[in-house]
Amino acid sequence: MTEPNITTWRKSTKSSGGANCVEVGHAVPVAVVGVRDTKDRAGGMILLSPAAWRAFIGGIKDGGLSAS
C-alpha cells in the first residue's frame, strides 16, 4: 500500500505536552487514519481503517484497553 498523503496532523487536547504523545491524521480521499509518534514524525505511521480507529478509541473510553 502506498503511504497516504496526510497533510493535517493533530495531538489530543488532553496531551500533557510530555514525551509520550502521538498524532492522528485523516487521509482524504483515501479512508484511512494515520497514527505517528510526535517525537519521530519521519519514522513512519500506523494506518487504520476508520472502523478500526473507532473500535480502538471505544476500547480506551470503556476501559477495555489499559497501559498496565
N, C-alpha and C. Protein backbone atom coordinates (compact mmCIF):
# COMPACT_ATOMS: atom_id res chain seq x y z
N MET A 1 0.84 -1.18 0.00
CA MET A 1 0.00 0.00 0.00
C MET A 1 0.88 1.24 0.00
N THR A 2 0.53 2.18 -0.83
CA THR A 2 1.25 3.45 -0.87
C THR A 2 0.86 4.29 0.33
N GLU A 3 1.85 4.95 0.90
CA GLU A 3 1.57 5.79 2.07
C GLU A 3 0.66 6.94 1.66
N PRO A 4 -0.45 7.13 2.37
CA PRO A 4 -1.38 8.19 2.01
C PRO A 4 -0.82 9.57 2.33
N ASN A 5 -1.35 10.56 1.67
CA ASN A 5 -0.95 11.94 1.91
C ASN A 5 -1.81 12.53 3.01
N ILE A 6 -1.24 12.64 4.19
CA ILE A 6 -1.93 13.25 5.33
C ILE A 6 -1.26 14.59 5.57
N THR A 7 -1.98 15.66 5.33
CA THR A 7 -1.38 16.99 5.45
C THR A 7 -1.66 17.66 6.79
N THR A 8 -2.68 17.20 7.50
CA THR A 8 -3.02 17.80 8.78
C THR A 8 -2.98 16.75 9.87
N TRP A 9 -2.08 16.95 10.82
CA TRP A 9 -1.96 16.06 11.98
C TRP A 9 -2.40 16.83 13.20
N ARG A 10 -2.91 16.11 14.21
CA ARG A 10 -3.30 16.79 15.45
C ARG A 10 -2.95 15.92 16.65
N LYS A 11 -2.69 16.60 17.75
CA LYS A 11 -2.46 15.95 19.04
C LYS A 11 -3.69 16.15 19.88
N SER A 12 -3.92 15.25 20.78
CA SER A 12 -5.06 15.35 21.69
C SER A 12 -4.97 16.61 22.54
N THR A 13 -6.10 17.22 22.78
CA THR A 13 -6.13 18.37 23.69
C THR A 13 -5.85 17.92 25.12
N LYS A 14 -5.94 16.61 25.38
CA LYS A 14 -5.65 16.06 26.70
C LYS A 14 -4.15 15.80 26.89
N SER A 15 -3.37 15.98 25.83
CA SER A 15 -1.93 15.75 25.90
C SER A 15 -1.30 16.71 26.89
N SER A 16 -0.46 16.16 27.75
CA SER A 16 0.19 16.98 28.77
C SER A 16 1.44 17.67 28.24
N GLY A 17 1.79 17.41 26.97
CA GLY A 17 2.99 18.01 26.43
C GLY A 17 4.23 17.22 26.79
N GLY A 18 4.06 16.06 27.40
CA GLY A 18 5.18 15.21 27.76
C GLY A 18 5.77 14.51 26.55
N ALA A 19 6.60 13.55 26.80
CA ALA A 19 7.33 12.88 25.73
C ALA A 19 6.60 11.69 25.14
N ASN A 20 5.42 11.35 25.61
CA ASN A 20 4.72 10.16 25.14
C ASN A 20 3.45 10.50 24.36
N CYS A 21 3.57 11.35 23.36
CA CYS A 21 2.40 11.79 22.60
C CYS A 21 2.40 11.15 21.22
N VAL A 22 1.20 10.98 20.71
CA VAL A 22 1.04 10.57 19.32
C VAL A 22 0.16 11.60 18.63
N GLU A 23 0.26 11.62 17.30
CA GLU A 23 -0.56 12.49 16.48
C GLU A 23 -1.44 11.63 15.60
N VAL A 24 -2.60 12.16 15.26
CA VAL A 24 -3.56 11.45 14.42
C VAL A 24 -3.86 12.32 13.22
N GLY A 25 -3.93 11.69 12.05
CA GLY A 25 -4.28 12.41 10.83
C GLY A 25 -5.20 11.57 9.97
N HIS A 26 -6.07 12.23 9.24
CA HIS A 26 -7.02 11.54 8.35
C HIS A 26 -6.62 11.83 6.91
N ALA A 27 -6.54 10.78 6.11
CA ALA A 27 -6.21 10.93 4.70
C ALA A 27 -7.48 11.04 3.88
N VAL A 28 -7.53 12.03 3.01
CA VAL A 28 -8.67 12.22 2.12
C VAL A 28 -8.11 12.28 0.71
N PRO A 29 -8.66 11.62 -0.25
CA PRO A 29 -9.92 10.89 -0.24
C PRO A 29 -9.78 9.44 0.24
N VAL A 30 -8.56 8.97 0.48
CA VAL A 30 -8.39 7.60 0.96
C VAL A 30 -8.89 7.53 2.39
N ALA A 31 -9.74 6.58 2.68
CA ALA A 31 -10.35 6.49 4.01
C ALA A 31 -9.46 5.71 4.96
N VAL A 32 -8.44 6.37 5.49
CA VAL A 32 -7.57 5.76 6.50
C VAL A 32 -7.26 6.79 7.58
N VAL A 33 -6.90 6.29 8.73
CA VAL A 33 -6.47 7.13 9.84
C VAL A 33 -5.01 6.78 10.11
N GLY A 34 -4.15 7.78 10.14
CA GLY A 34 -2.74 7.57 10.43
C GLY A 34 -2.44 7.95 11.86
N VAL A 35 -1.54 7.19 12.50
CA VAL A 35 -1.09 7.48 13.86
C VAL A 35 0.43 7.45 13.84
N ARG A 36 1.05 8.50 14.38
CA ARG A 36 2.52 8.55 14.40
C ARG A 36 3.02 9.12 15.71
N ASP A 37 4.29 8.86 15.99
CA ASP A 37 4.96 9.35 17.19
C ASP A 37 5.32 10.82 16.99
N THR A 38 4.92 11.67 17.90
CA THR A 38 5.20 13.10 17.80
C THR A 38 6.70 13.39 17.77
N LYS A 39 7.49 12.60 18.49
CA LYS A 39 8.93 12.83 18.57
C LYS A 39 9.67 12.35 17.33
N ASP A 40 9.06 11.44 16.54
CA ASP A 40 9.73 10.85 15.38
C ASP A 40 8.77 10.86 14.19
N ARG A 41 8.44 12.05 13.75
CA ARG A 41 7.44 12.21 12.69
C ARG A 41 7.84 11.56 11.38
N ALA A 42 9.12 11.44 11.11
CA ALA A 42 9.58 10.81 9.87
C ALA A 42 9.71 9.30 10.02
N GLY A 43 9.45 8.77 11.21
CA GLY A 43 9.66 7.36 11.50
C GLY A 43 8.56 6.43 11.03
N GLY A 44 7.60 6.93 10.29
CA GLY A 44 6.52 6.09 9.80
C GLY A 44 5.25 6.27 10.60
N MET A 45 4.23 5.54 10.19
CA MET A 45 2.94 5.65 10.85
C MET A 45 2.20 4.33 10.81
N ILE A 46 1.26 4.19 11.67
CA ILE A 46 0.34 3.06 11.66
C ILE A 46 -0.90 3.53 10.91
N LEU A 47 -1.39 2.72 9.99
CA LEU A 47 -2.59 3.06 9.24
C LEU A 47 -3.73 2.16 9.67
N LEU A 48 -4.87 2.77 9.98
CA LEU A 48 -6.06 2.04 10.42
C LEU A 48 -7.26 2.45 9.56
N SER A 49 -8.19 1.54 9.42
CA SER A 49 -9.45 1.91 8.79
C SER A 49 -10.22 2.78 9.78
N PRO A 50 -11.14 3.61 9.31
CA PRO A 50 -11.94 4.39 10.25
C PRO A 50 -12.68 3.51 11.26
N ALA A 51 -13.16 2.35 10.85
CA ALA A 51 -13.85 1.45 11.78
C ALA A 51 -12.90 0.92 12.85
N ALA A 52 -11.68 0.58 12.47
CA ALA A 52 -10.69 0.10 13.45
C ALA A 52 -10.31 1.22 14.42
N TRP A 53 -10.20 2.45 13.92
CA TRP A 53 -9.90 3.59 14.79
C TRP A 53 -11.02 3.81 15.81
N ARG A 54 -12.27 3.76 15.36
CA ARG A 54 -13.41 3.93 16.27
C ARG A 54 -13.42 2.83 17.33
N ALA A 55 -13.11 1.59 16.93
CA ALA A 55 -13.08 0.48 17.89
C ALA A 55 -11.96 0.69 18.91
N PHE A 56 -10.82 1.16 18.47
CA PHE A 56 -9.68 1.43 19.35
C PHE A 56 -10.05 2.51 20.37
N ILE A 57 -10.58 3.64 19.89
CA ILE A 57 -10.96 4.73 20.79
C ILE A 57 -12.08 4.27 21.73
N GLY A 58 -13.03 3.51 21.22
CA GLY A 58 -14.10 2.98 22.07
C GLY A 58 -13.56 2.09 23.17
N GLY A 59 -12.56 1.26 22.84
CA GLY A 59 -11.95 0.40 23.85
C GLY A 59 -11.24 1.19 24.93
N ILE A 60 -10.63 2.30 24.56
CA ILE A 60 -9.99 3.16 25.57
C ILE A 60 -11.03 3.81 26.47
N LYS A 61 -12.07 4.34 25.85
CA LYS A 61 -13.10 5.05 26.62
C LYS A 61 -13.86 4.13 27.58
N ASP A 62 -14.11 2.87 27.16
CA ASP A 62 -14.88 1.99 28.05
C ASP A 62 -14.00 1.19 29.00
N GLY A 63 -12.69 1.45 29.00
CA GLY A 63 -11.78 0.81 29.93
C GLY A 63 -11.31 -0.56 29.48
N GLY A 64 -11.65 -0.97 28.26
CA GLY A 64 -11.24 -2.27 27.76
C GLY A 64 -9.77 -2.34 27.39
N LEU A 65 -9.13 -1.20 27.21
CA LEU A 65 -7.70 -1.14 26.91
C LEU A 65 -7.03 -0.30 27.99
N SER A 66 -5.93 -0.79 28.50
CA SER A 66 -5.21 -0.02 29.52
C SER A 66 -3.72 -0.20 29.32
N ALA A 67 -2.96 0.67 29.93
CA ALA A 67 -1.49 0.65 29.82
C ALA A 67 -0.86 -0.40 30.72
N SER A 68 -1.59 -0.96 31.63
CA SER A 68 -0.96 -1.91 32.57
C SER A 68 -0.96 -3.31 32.04
